[in-house]
Amino acid sequence: MEVTRASYVIAIFAMCESTEQSICIKFCFKIGKTATETYQLLQQAFGEDAVGRTQVFDWFRQFKERTTSARDNRQHRDTRK
């Protein structure tokens, strides 16, 4: 299968859109928005190009797990001193 320049550009654009939206999602997470509120904001900003609801909730879960994991690691290091 030959990859055309047009399909390559479309793939890059889609990846950038997703990356841009993941940054928006992380920002909303950090300022205390819920996943539902974030999804609604993405719908307003990106319309039909917004990532799906499931993706928003998955990213929120991942951000929360990383935050919890980092906090647990810091607490573990502090108790060893």
C-alpha atoms as a PDB file:
ATOM      1  CA  MET A   1       0.000   0.000   0.000  1.00  0.00           C
ATOM      2  CA  GLU A   2       1.432   3.334  -1.033  1.00  0.00           C
ATOM      3  CA  VAL A   3       1.191   6.161   1.459  1.00  0.00           C
ATOM      4  CA  THR A   4       0.371   9.359  -0.349  1.00  0.00           C
ATOM      5  CA  ARG A   5       1.510  12.772   0.767  1.00  0.00           C
ATOM      6  CA  ALA A   6      -2.121  13.756   1.404  1.00  0.00           C
ATOM      7  CA  SER A   7      -2.778  10.791   3.706  1.00  0.00           C
ATOM      8  CA  TYR A   8       0.466  11.527   5.566  1.00  0.00           C
ATOM      9  CA  VAL A   9      -0.574  15.160   6.109  1.00  0.00           C
ATOM     10  CA  ILE A  10      -4.015  14.065   7.300  1.00  0.00           C
ATOM     11  CA  ALA A  11      -2.440  11.614   9.774  1.00  0.00           C
ATOM     12  CA  ILE A  12      -0.094  14.302  11.131  1.00  0.00           C
ATOM     13  CA  PHE A  13      -2.989  16.755  11.464  1.00  0.00           C
ATOM     14  CA  ALA A  14      -5.078  14.202  13.354  1.00  0.00           C
ATOM     15  CA  MET A  15      -2.163  13.470  15.693  1.00  0.00           C
ATOM     16  CA  CYS A  16      -1.658  17.200  16.371  1.00  0.00           C
ATOM     17  CA  GLU A  17      -5.371  17.666  17.066  1.00  0.00           C
ATOM     18  CA  SER A  18      -5.284  14.798  19.557  1.00  0.00           C
ATOM     19  CA  THR A  19      -2.118  16.126  21.216  1.00  0.00           C
ATOM     20  CA  GLU A  20      -3.591  19.614  21.437  1.00  0.00           C
ATOM     21  CA  GLN A  21      -6.729  18.260  23.035  1.00  0.00           C
ATOM     22  CA  SER A  22      -4.781  16.121  25.508  1.00  0.00           C
ATOM     23  CA  ILE A  23      -3.018  19.305  26.643  1.00  0.00           C
ATOM     24  CA  CYS A  24      -6.417  20.968  27.080  1.00  0.00           C
ATOM     25  CA  ILE A  25      -7.630  17.954  29.059  1.00  0.00           C
ATOM     26  CA  LYS A  26      -4.591  18.041  31.355  1.00  0.00           C
ATOM     27  CA  PHE A  27      -5.118  21.772  31.951  1.00  0.00           C
ATOM     28  CA  CYS A  28      -8.766  21.207  32.884  1.00  0.00           C
ATOM     29  CA  PHE A  29      -7.739  18.350  35.194  1.00  0.00           C
ATOM     30  CA  LYS A  30      -5.190  20.552  36.971  1.00  0.00           C
ATOM     31  CA  ILE A  31      -7.662  23.392  37.553  1.00  0.00           C
ATOM     32  CA  GLY A  32     -10.241  21.030  39.026  1.00  0.00           C
ATOM     33  CA  LYS A  33     -12.718  20.570  36.173  1.00  0.00           C
ATOM     34  CA  THR A  34     -14.525  17.250  36.022  1.00  0.00           C
ATOM     35  CA  ALA A  35     -14.194  14.921  33.055  1.00  0.00           C
ATOM     36  CA  THR A  36     -17.763  15.765  32.060  1.00  0.00           C
ATOM     37  CA  GLU A  37     -17.115  19.509  32.185  1.00  0.00           C
ATOM     38  CA  THR A  38     -13.933  19.018  30.185  1.00  0.00           C
ATOM     39  CA  TYR A  39     -15.715  16.979  27.538  1.00  0.00           C
ATOM     40  CA  GLN A  40     -18.347  19.706  27.181  1.00  0.00           C
ATOM     41  CA  LEU A  41     -15.647  22.377  26.806  1.00  0.00           C
ATOM     42  CA  LEU A  42     -13.878  20.333  24.134  1.00  0.00           C
ATOM     43  CA  GLN A  43     -17.167  19.970  22.280  1.00  0.00           C
ATOM     44  CA  GLN A  44     -17.564  23.761  22.328  1.00  0.00           C
ATOM     45  CA  ALA A  45     -13.996  24.409  21.205  1.00  0.00           C
ATOM     46  CA  PHE A  46     -13.455  21.626  18.646  1.00  0.00           C
ATOM     47  CA  GLY A  47     -16.991  20.690  17.589  1.00  0.00           C
ATOM     48  CA  GLU A  48     -17.065  17.523  15.501  1.00  0.00           C
ATOM     49  CA  ASP A  49     -13.269  17.239  15.773  1.00  0.00           C
ATOM     50  CA  ALA A  50     -13.376  16.813  19.565  1.00  0.00           C
ATOM     51  CA  VAL A  51     -12.086  13.546  20.979  1.00  0.00           C
ATOM     52  CA  GLY A  52     -14.730  11.170  22.287  1.00  0.00           C
ATOM     53  CA  ARG A  53     -16.160  11.112  25.795  1.00  0.00           C
ATOM     54  CA  THR A  54     -14.473   7.784  26.558  1.00  0.00           C
ATOM     55  CA  GLN A  55     -11.067   9.203  25.581  1.00  0.00           C
ATOM     56  CA  VAL A  56     -11.560  12.203  27.889  1.00  0.00           C
ATOM     57  CA  PHE A  57     -12.446   9.933  30.812  1.00  0.00           C
ATOM     58  CA  ASP A  58      -9.488   7.646  30.041  1.00  0.00           C
ATOM     59  CA  TRP A  59      -7.057  10.577  30.064  1.00  0.00           C
ATOM     60  CA  PHE A  60      -8.552  11.865  33.329  1.00  0.00           C
ATOM     61  CA  ARG A  61      -8.045   8.416  34.878  1.00  0.00           C
ATOM     62  CA  GLN A  62      -4.430   8.331  33.680  1.00  0.00           C
ATOM     63  CA  PHE A  63      -3.698  11.819  35.031  1.00  0.00           C
ATOM     64  CA  LYS A  64      -5.242  10.869  38.381  1.00  0.00           C
ATOM     65  CA  GLU A  65      -3.224   7.632  38.565  1.00  0.00           C
ATOM     66  CA  ARG A  66       0.012   9.487  37.824  1.00  0.00           C
ATOM     67  CA  THR A  67      -0.784  12.142  40.432  1.00  0.00           C
ATOM     68  CA  THR A  68      -1.623   9.520  43.062  1.00  0.00           C
ATOM     69  CA  SER A  69       1.463   7.470  42.183  1.00  0.00           C
ATOM     70  CA  ALA A  70       3.761  10.494  42.416  1.00  0.00           C
ATOM     71  CA  ARG A  71       2.214  11.512  45.758  1.00  0.00           C
ATOM     72  CA  ASP A  72       2.642   7.977  47.129  1.00  0.00           C
ATOM     73  CA  ASN A  73       6.301   7.923  46.038  1.00  0.00           C
ATOM     74  CA  ARG A  74       6.982  11.266  47.745  1.00  0.00           C
ATOM     75  CA  GLN A  75       5.316  10.095  50.972  1.00  0.00           C
ATOM     76  CA  HIS A  76       7.329   6.859  50.907  1.00  0.00           C
ATOM     77  CA  ARG A  77      10.609   8.784  50.507  1.00  0.00           C
ATOM     78  CA  ASP A  78       9.646  11.191  53.318  1.00  0.00           C
ATOM     79  CA  THR A  79       8.988   8.367  55.799  1.00  0.00           C
ATOM     80  CA  ARG A  80      12.426   6.847  55.186  1.00  0.00           C
ATOM     81  CA  LYS A  81      14.270   9.993  56.341  1.00  0.00           C
END
